[in-house]
């Protein structure tokens, strides 16, 4: 359910942290794409959720993630240290 701010859900978690969630529809695999953010204040969570919604509206791939250490080492070995 969407509230007046256009956000799907916000609530307080245990340890005094705020949690927000946004439903971005279905992913390419057909599974539900629901993103969660955690922050120390309700304002922080609201800001992060709005940023996610803007990125999704622009068509930004939200599935992108930073490379793992293993991926970085593999790339480095391929480029800088050929055997």
PDB file of N, CA and C in Angstrom:
ATOM      1  N   UNK A   1       0.838  -1.162   0.000  1.00  0.00           N
ATOM      2  CA  UNK A   1       0.000   0.000   0.000  1.00  0.00           C
ATOM      3  C   UNK A   1       0.892   1.237   0.000  1.00  0.00           C
ATOM      4  N   UNK A   2       0.580   2.208  -0.819  1.00  0.00           N
ATOM      5  CA  UNK A   2       1.384   3.419  -0.952  1.00  0.00           C
ATOM      6  C   UNK A   2       0.818   4.495  -0.038  1.00  0.00           C
ATOM      7  N   UNK A   3       1.690   5.192   0.698  1.00  0.00           N
ATOM      8  CA  UNK A   3       1.236   6.266   1.574  1.00  0.00           C
ATOM      9  C   UNK A   3       1.195   7.597   0.826  1.00  0.00           C
ATOM     10  N   UNK A   4       0.921   8.686   1.532  1.00  0.00           N
ATOM     11  CA  UNK A   4       0.783  10.000   0.896  1.00  0.00           C
ATOM     12  C   UNK A   4       2.074  10.525   0.292  1.00  0.00           C
ATOM     13  N   UNK A   5       3.226   9.981   0.721  1.00  0.00           N
ATOM     14  CA  UNK A   5       4.515  10.396   0.169  1.00  0.00           C
ATOM     15  C   UNK A   5       4.877   9.597  -1.077  1.00  0.00           C
ATOM     16  N   UNK A   6       4.020   8.662  -1.471  1.00  0.00           N
ATOM     17  CA  UNK A   6       4.324   7.821  -2.616  1.00  0.00           C
ATOM     18  C   UNK A   6       5.256   6.675  -2.278  1.00  0.00           C
ATOM     19  N   UNK A   7       5.406   6.388  -1.007  1.00  0.00           N
ATOM     20  CA  UNK A   7       6.305   5.322  -0.559  1.00  0.00           C
ATOM     21  C   UNK A   7       5.482   4.110  -0.159  1.00  0.00           C
ATOM     22  N   UNK A   8       6.027   2.947  -0.334  1.00  0.00           N
ATOM     23  CA  UNK A   8       5.280   1.730  -0.062  1.00  0.00           C
ATOM     24  C   UNK A   8       5.151   1.423   1.424  1.00  0.00           C
ATOM     25  N   UNK A   9       6.241   1.483   2.158  1.00  0.00           N
ATOM     26  CA  UNK A   9       6.164   1.101   3.562  1.00  0.00           C
ATOM     27  C   UNK A   9       7.293   1.748   4.348  1.00  0.00           C
ATOM     28  N   UNK A  10       6.978   2.154   5.548  1.00  0.00           N
ATOM     29  CA  UNK A  10       7.984   2.664   6.470  1.00  0.00           C
ATOM     30  C   UNK A  10       7.592   2.209   7.861  1.00  0.00           C
ATOM     31  N   UNK A  11       8.572   1.906   8.666  1.00  0.00           N
ATOM     32  CA  UNK A  11       8.283   1.502  10.030  1.00  0.00           C
ATOM     33  C   UNK A  11       9.547   1.469  10.853  1.00  0.00           C
ATOM     34  N   UNK A  12       9.382   1.358  12.140  1.00  0.00           N
ATOM     35  CA  UNK A  12      10.518   1.327  13.035  1.00  0.00           C
ATOM     36  C   UNK A  12      10.912  -0.109  13.294  1.00  0.00           C
ATOM     37  N   UNK A  13      12.189  -0.391  13.233  1.00  0.00           N
ATOM     38  CA  UNK A  13      12.705  -1.727  13.489  1.00  0.00           C
ATOM     39  C   UNK A  13      13.200  -1.804  14.926  1.00  0.00           C
ATOM     40  N   UNK A  14      13.612  -2.933  15.334  1.00  0.00           N
ATOM     41  CA  UNK A  14      14.074  -3.155  16.706  1.00  0.00           C
ATOM     42  C   UNK A  14      15.281  -2.264  17.008  1.00  0.00           C
ATOM     43  N   UNK A  15      16.022  -2.035  17.689  1.00  0.00           N
ATOM     44  CA  UNK A  15      17.221  -1.229  17.892  1.00  0.00           C
ATOM     45  C   UNK A  15      17.103   0.218  17.387  1.00  0.00           C
ATOM     46  N   UNK A  16      15.901   0.747  17.287  1.00  0.00           N
ATOM     47  CA  UNK A  16      15.717   2.160  16.982  1.00  0.00           C
ATOM     48  C   UNK A  16      16.036   2.588  15.569  1.00  0.00           C
ATOM     49  N   UNK A  17      16.098   1.687  14.621  1.00  0.00           N
ATOM     50  CA  UNK A  17      16.401   2.037  13.234  1.00  0.00           C
ATOM     51  C   UNK A  17      15.108   2.067  12.442  1.00  0.00           C
ATOM     52  N   UNK A  18      15.048   2.924  11.436  1.00  0.00           N
ATOM     53  CA  UNK A  18      13.897   3.022  10.541  1.00  0.00           C
ATOM     54  C   UNK A  18      14.139   2.152   9.319  1.00  0.00           C
ATOM     55  N   UNK A  19      13.074   1.513   8.873  1.00  0.00           N
ATOM     56  CA  UNK A  19      13.148   0.633   7.713  1.00  0.00           C
ATOM     57  C   UNK A  19      12.099   1.081   6.704  1.00  0.00           C
ATOM     58  N   UNK A  20      12.480   1.114   5.448  1.00  0.00           N
ATOM     59  CA  UNK A  20      11.541   1.450   4.391  1.00  0.00           C
ATOM     60  C   UNK A  20      11.655   0.431   3.274  1.00  0.00           C
ATOM     61  N   UNK A  21      10.556   0.211   2.567  1.00  0.00           N
ATOM     62  CA  UNK A  21      10.566  -0.743   1.459  1.00  0.00           C
ATOM     63  C   UNK A  21       9.799  -0.148   0.293  1.00  0.00           C
ATOM     64  N   UNK A  22      10.224  -0.484  -0.907  1.00  0.00           N
ATOM     65  CA  UNK A  22       9.578   0.007  -2.112  1.00  0.00           C
ATOM     66  C   UNK A  22       9.436  -1.159  -3.085  1.00  0.00           C
ATOM     67  N   UNK A  23       8.263  -1.272  -3.680  1.00  0.00           N
ATOM     68  CA  UNK A  23       8.003  -2.338  -4.628  1.00  0.00           C
ATOM     69  C   UNK A  23       8.232  -1.783  -6.026  1.00  0.00           C
ATOM     70  N   UNK A  24       9.174  -2.375  -6.757  1.00  0.00           N
ATOM     71  CA  UNK A  24       9.523  -1.891  -8.091  1.00  0.00           C
ATOM     72  C   UNK A  24       8.963  -2.790  -9.188  1.00  0.00           C
ATOM     73  N   UNK A  25       7.941  -3.563  -8.868  1.00  0.00           N
ATOM     74  CA  UNK A  25       7.326  -4.425  -9.868  1.00  0.00           C
ATOM     75  C   UNK A  25       8.006  -5.772  -9.940  1.00  0.00           C
ATOM     76  N   UNK A  26       8.085  -6.323 -11.145  1.00  0.00           N
ATOM     77  CA  UNK A  26       8.686  -7.632 -11.360  1.00  0.00           C
ATOM     78  C   UNK A  26      10.002  -7.501 -12.106  1.00  0.00           C
ATOM     79  N   UNK A  27      10.957  -8.337 -11.751  1.00  0.00           N
ATOM     80  CA  UNK A  27      12.249  -8.360 -12.421  1.00  0.00           C
ATOM     81  C   UNK A  27      12.175  -9.185 -13.692  1.00  0.00           C
ATOM     82  N   UNK A  28      13.296  -9.255 -14.433  1.00  0.00           N
ATOM     83  CA  UNK A  28      13.311 -10.022 -15.668  1.00  0.00           C
ATOM     84  C   UNK A  28      13.043 -11.517 -15.461  1.00  0.00           C
ATOM     85  N   UNK A  29      13.319 -11.997 -14.253  1.00  0.00           N
ATOM     86  CA  UNK A  29      13.084 -13.411 -13.956  1.00  0.00           C
ATOM     87  C   UNK A  29      11.663 -13.675 -13.479  1.00  0.00           C
ATOM     88  N   UNK A  30      10.837 -12.631 -13.391  1.00  0.00           N
ATOM     89  CA  UNK A  30       9.453 -12.781 -12.969  1.00  0.00           C
ATOM     90  C   UNK A  30       9.246 -12.669 -11.470  1.00  0.00           C
ATOM     91  N   UNK A  31      10.332 -12.572 -10.720  1.00  0.00           N
ATOM     92  CA  UNK A  31      10.212 -12.446  -9.268  1.00  0.00           C
ATOM     93  C   UNK A  31       9.931 -10.995  -8.891  1.00  0.00           C
ATOM     94  N   UNK A  32       9.289 -10.810  -7.761  1.00  0.00           N
ATOM     95  CA  UNK A  32       8.974  -9.485  -7.246  1.00  0.00           C
ATOM     96  C   UNK A  32      10.257  -8.758  -6.871  1.00  0.00           C
ATOM     97  N   UNK A  33      10.370  -7.489  -7.296  1.00  0.00           N
ATOM     98  CA  UNK A  33      11.554  -6.685  -6.989  1.00  0.00           C
ATOM     99  C   UNK A  33      11.177  -5.706  -5.893  1.00  0.00           C
ATOM    100  N   UNK A  34      11.514  -6.038  -4.666  1.00  0.00           N
ATOM    101  CA  UNK A  34      11.194  -5.201  -3.514  1.00  0.00           C
ATOM    102  C   UNK A  34      12.503  -4.808  -2.853  1.00  0.00           C
ATOM    103  N   UNK A  35      12.759  -3.502  -2.767  1.00  0.00           N
ATOM    104  CA  UNK A  35      14.005  -2.997  -2.183  1.00  0.00           C
ATOM    105  C   UNK A  35      13.725  -2.465  -0.784  1.00  0.00           C
ATOM    106  N   UNK A  36      14.667  -2.709   0.115  1.00  0.00           N
ATOM    107  CA  UNK A  36      14.562  -2.212   1.487  1.00  0.00           C
ATOM    108  C   UNK A  36      15.750  -1.319   1.792  1.00  0.00           C
ATOM    109  N   UNK A  37      15.497  -0.271   2.544  1.00  0.00           N
ATOM    110  CA  UNK A  37      16.561   0.618   3.017  1.00  0.00           C
ATOM    111  C   UNK A  37      16.409   0.768   4.520  1.00  0.00           C
ATOM    112  N   UNK A  38      17.528   0.995   5.194  1.00  0.00           N
ATOM    113  CA  UNK A  38      17.546   1.155   6.643  1.00  0.00           C
ATOM    114  C   UNK A  38      18.280   2.445   6.950  1.00  0.00           C
ATOM    115  N   UNK A  39      17.783   3.205   7.918  1.00  0.00           N
ATOM    116  CA  UNK A  39      18.428   4.448   8.306  1.00  0.00           C
ATOM    117  C   UNK A  39      18.165   4.771   9.766  1.00  0.00           C
ATOM    118  N   UNK A  40      18.864   5.776  10.250  1.00  0.00           N
ATOM    119  CA  UNK A  40      18.709   6.154  11.652  1.00  0.00           C
ATOM    120  C   UNK A  40      17.523   7.079  11.875  1.00  0.00           C
ATOM    121  N   UNK A  41      17.077   7.783  10.820  1.00  0.00           N
ATOM    122  CA  UNK A  41      15.928   8.672  10.947  1.00  0.00           C
ATOM    123  C   UNK A  41      14.911   8.368   9.852  1.00  0.00           C
ATOM    124  N   UNK A  42      13.669   8.743  10.112  1.00  0.00           N
ATOM    125  CA  UNK A  42      12.621   8.539   9.127  1.00  0.00           C
ATOM    126  C   UNK A  42      12.895   9.377   7.879  1.00  0.00           C
ATOM    127  N   UNK A  43      13.441  10.570   8.063  1.00  0.00           N
ATOM    128  CA  UNK A  43      13.765  11.449   6.940  1.00  0.00           C
ATOM    129  C   UNK A  43      14.808  10.812   6.032  1.00  0.00           C
ATOM    130  N   UNK A  44      15.812  10.193   6.613  1.00  0.00           N
ATOM    131  CA  UNK A  44      16.867   9.522   5.845  1.00  0.00           C
ATOM    132  C   UNK A  44      16.285   8.388   4.995  1.00  0.00           C
ATOM    133  N   UNK A  45      15.417   7.593   5.601  1.00  0.00           N
ATOM    134  CA  UNK A  45      14.795   6.479   4.886  1.00  0.00           C
ATOM    135  C   UNK A  45      13.910   7.000   3.758  1.00  0.00           C
ATOM    136  N   UNK A  46      13.130   8.040   4.034  1.00  0.00           N
ATOM    137  CA  UNK A  46      12.263   8.635   3.015  1.00  0.00           C
ATOM    138  C   UNK A  46      13.086   9.137   1.839  1.00  0.00           C
ATOM    139  N   UNK A  47      14.215   9.788   2.108  1.00  0.00           N
ATOM    140  CA  UNK A  47      15.083  10.300   1.050  1.00  0.00           C
ATOM    141  C   UNK A  47      15.639   9.166   0.197  1.00  0.00           C
ATOM    142  N   UNK A  48      16.103   8.108   0.833  1.00  0.00           N
ATOM    143  CA  UNK A  48      16.669   6.972   0.088  1.00  0.00           C
ATOM    144  C   UNK A  48      15.608   6.294  -0.779  1.00  0.00           C
ATOM    145  N   UNK A  49      14.393   6.155  -0.235  1.00  0.00           N
ATOM    146  CA  UNK A  49      13.323   5.535  -1.012  1.00  0.00           C
ATOM    147  C   UNK A  49      12.948   6.391  -2.223  1.00  0.00           C
ATOM    148  N   UNK A  50      12.911   7.689  -2.046  1.00  0.00           N
ATOM    149  CA  UNK A  50      12.619   8.581  -3.183  1.00  0.00           C
ATOM    150  C   UNK A  50      13.706   8.475  -4.247  1.00  0.00           C
ATOM    151  N   UNK A  51      14.967   8.403  -3.814  1.00  0.00           N
ATOM    152  CA  UNK A  51      16.077   8.250  -4.769  1.00  0.00           C
ATOM    153  C   UNK A  51      15.940   6.945  -5.554  1.00  0.00           C
ATOM    154  N   UNK A  52      15.564   5.869  -4.882  1.00  0.00           N
ATOM    155  CA  UNK A  52      15.362   4.597  -5.571  1.00  0.00           C
ATOM    156  C   UNK A  52      14.249   4.705  -6.609  1.00  0.00           C
ATOM    157  N   UNK A  53      13.140   5.350  -6.227  1.00  0.00           N
ATOM    158  CA  UNK A  53      12.023   5.485  -7.153  1.00  0.00           C
ATOM    159  C   UNK A  53      12.422   6.333  -8.369  1.00  0.00           C
ATOM    160  N   UNK A  54      13.195   7.391  -8.157  1.00  0.00           N
ATOM    161  CA  UNK A  54      13.659   8.239  -9.266  1.00  0.00           C
ATOM    162  C   UNK A  54      14.577   7.447 -10.185  1.00  0.00           C
ATOM    163  N   UNK A  55      15.509   6.689  -9.602  1.00  0.00           N
ATOM    164  CA  UNK A  55      16.419   5.876 -10.410  1.00  0.00           C
ATOM    165  C   UNK A  55      15.644   4.851 -11.232  1.00  0.00           C
ATOM    166  N   UNK A  56      14.636   4.234 -10.623  1.00  0.00           N
ATOM    167  CA  UNK A  56      13.831   3.240 -11.349  1.00  0.00           C
ATOM    168  C   UNK A  56      13.065   3.909 -12.485  1.00  0.00           C
ATOM    169  N   UNK A  57      12.540   5.108 -12.247  1.00  0.00           N
ATOM    170  CA  UNK A  57      11.792   5.821 -13.289  1.00  0.00           C
ATOM    171  C   UNK A  57      12.704   6.216 -14.450  1.00  0.00           C
ATOM    172  N   UNK A  58      13.975   6.494 -14.170  1.00  0.00           N
ATOM    173  CA  UNK A  58      14.937   6.853 -15.220  1.00  0.00           C
ATOM    174  C   UNK A  58      15.437   5.647 -15.990  1.00  0.00           C
ATOM    175  N   UNK A  59      15.140   4.460 -15.490  1.00  0.00           N
ATOM    176  CA  UNK A  59      15.572   3.248 -16.166  1.00  0.00           C
ATOM    177  C   UNK A  59      16.940   2.761 -15.724  1.00  0.00           C
ATOM    178  N   UNK A  60      17.458   3.303 -14.628  1.00  0.00           N
ATOM    179  CA  UNK A  60      18.746   2.864 -14.103  1.00  0.00           C
ATOM    180  C   UNK A  60      18.642   1.415 -13.631  1.00  0.00           C
ATOM    181  N   UNK A  61      19.646   0.618 -13.943  1.00  0.00           N
ATOM    182  CA  UNK A  61      19.658  -0.776 -13.506  1.00  0.00           C
ATOM    183  C   UNK A  61      20.014  -0.820 -12.028  1.00  0.00           C
ATOM    184  N   UNK A  62      19.031  -1.087 -11.191  1.00  0.00           N
ATOM    185  CA  UNK A  62      19.246  -1.106  -9.747  1.00  0.00           C
ATOM    186  C   UNK A  62      19.900  -2.401  -9.274  1.00  0.00           C
ATOM    187  N   UNK A  63      20.062  -3.344 -10.172  1.00  0.00           N
ATOM    188  CA  UNK A  63      20.685  -4.610  -9.800  1.00  0.00           C
ATOM    189  C   UNK A  63      22.205  -4.524  -9.821  1.00  0.00           C
ATOM    190  N   UNK A  64      22.750  -3.433 -10.343  1.00  0.00           N
ATOM    191  CA  UNK A  64      24.197  -3.297 -10.381  1.00  0.00           C
ATOM    192  C   UNK A  64      24.767  -3.284  -8.971  1.00  0.00           C
ATOM    193  N   UNK A  65      25.879  -3.925  -8.802  1.00  0.00           N
ATOM    194  CA  UNK A  65      26.522  -3.974  -7.492  1.00  0.00           C
ATOM    195  C   UNK A  65      28.019  -3.813  -7.696  1.00  0.00           C
ATOM    196  N   UNK A  66      28.736  -3.409  -6.669  1.00  0.00           N
ATOM    197  CA  UNK A  66      30.184  -3.305  -6.803  1.00  0.00           C
ATOM    198  C   UNK A  66      30.793  -4.699  -6.984  1.00  0.00           C
ATOM    199  N   UNK A  67      31.927  -4.796  -7.667  1.00  0.00           N
ATOM    200  CA  UNK A  67      32.555  -6.102  -7.861  1.00  0.00           C
ATOM    201  C   UNK A  67      33.088  -6.661  -6.539  1.00  0.00           C
ATOM    202  N   UNK A  68      33.096  -7.986  -6.446  1.00  0.00           N
ATOM    203  CA  UNK A  68      33.648  -8.632  -5.255  1.00  0.00           C
ATOM    204  C   UNK A  68      35.172  -8.625  -5.348  1.00  0.00           C
ATOM    205  N   UNK A  69      35.828  -8.913  -4.248  1.00  0.00           N
ATOM    206  CA  UNK A  69      37.288  -8.977  -4.227  1.00  0.00           C
ATOM    207  C   UNK A  69      37.767 -10.058  -5.190  1.00  0.00           C
ATOM    208  N   UNK A  70      37.086 -11.184  -5.202  1.00  0.00           N
ATOM    209  CA  UNK A  70      37.470 -12.269  -6.105  1.00  0.00           C
ATOM    210  C   UNK A  70      37.393 -11.824  -7.563  1.00  0.00           C
ATOM    211  N   UNK A  71      36.348 -11.084  -7.918  1.00  0.00           N
ATOM    212  CA  UNK A  71      36.214 -10.587  -9.284  1.00  0.00           C
ATOM    213  C   UNK A  71      37.319  -9.593  -9.623  1.00  0.00           C
ATOM    214  N   UNK A  72      37.667  -8.736  -8.678  1.00  0.00           N
ATOM    215  CA  UNK A  72      38.737  -7.763  -8.900  1.00  0.00           C
ATOM    216  C   UNK A  72      40.088  -8.455  -9.078  1.00  0.00           C
ATOM    217  N   UNK A  73      40.372  -9.447  -8.254  1.00  0.00           N
ATOM    218  CA  UNK A  73      41.632 -10.179  -8.361  1.00  0.00           C
ATOM    219  C   UNK A  73      41.705 -10.917  -9.689  1.00  0.00           C
ATOM    220  N   UNK A  74      40.603 -11.549 -10.068  1.00  0.00           N
ATOM    221  CA  UNK A  74      40.561 -12.266 -11.337  1.00  0.00           C
ATOM    222  C   UNK A  74      40.834 -11.320 -12.505  1.00  0.00           C
ATOM    223  N   UNK A  75      40.236 -10.150 -12.478  1.00  0.00           N
ATOM    224  CA  UNK A  75      40.444  -9.148 -13.534  1.00  0.00           C
ATOM    225  C   UNK A  75      41.892  -8.648 -13.530  1.00  0.00           C
ATOM    226  N   UNK A  76      42.445  -8.398 -12.345  1.00  0.00           N
ATOM    227  CA  UNK A  76      43.812  -7.933 -12.233  1.00  0.00           C
ATOM    228  C   UNK A  76      44.786  -8.981 -12.802  1.00  0.00           C
ATOM    229  N   UNK A  77      44.548 -10.253 -12.429  1.00  0.00           N
ATOM    230  CA  UNK A  77      45.411 -11.317 -12.923  1.00  0.00           C
ATOM    231  C   UNK A  77      45.330 -11.441 -14.438  1.00  0.00           C
ATOM    232  N   UNK A  78      44.156 -11.238 -14.966  1.00  0.00           N
ATOM    233  CA  UNK A  78      43.974 -11.351 -16.416  1.00  0.00           C
ATOM    234  C   UNK A  78      44.711 -10.233 -17.150  1.00  0.00           C
ATOM    235  N   UNK A  79      44.673  -9.006 -16.584  1.00  0.00           N
ATOM    236  CA  UNK A  79      45.269  -7.857 -17.251  1.00  0.00           C
ATOM    237  C   UNK A  79      46.742  -7.642 -16.905  1.00  0.00           C
ATOM    238  N   UNK A  80      47.060  -7.632 -15.618  1.00  0.00           N
ATOM    239  CA  UNK A  80      48.390  -7.193 -15.181  1.00  0.00           C
ATOM    240  C   UNK A  80      49.393  -8.330 -14.993  1.00  0.00           C
ATOM    241  N   UNK A  81      48.924  -9.504 -14.742  1.00  0.00           N
ATOM    242  CA  UNK A  81      49.854 -10.581 -14.437  1.00  0.00           C
ATOM    243  C   UNK A  81      49.564 -11.815 -15.284  1.00  0.00           C
ATOM    244  N   UNK A  82      49.670 -11.726 -16.598  1.00  0.00           N
ATOM    245  CA  UNK A  82      49.399 -12.936 -17.402  1.00  0.00           C
ATOM    246  C   UNK A  82      50.479 -13.987 -17.170  1.00  0.00           C
ATOM    247  N   UNK A  83      50.055 -15.216 -17.092  1.00  0.00           N
ATOM    248  CA  UNK A  83      50.996 -16.312 -16.841  1.00  0.00           C
ATOM    249  C   UNK A  83      51.415 -16.991 -18.101  1.00  0.00           C
TER     250      UNK A  83
END
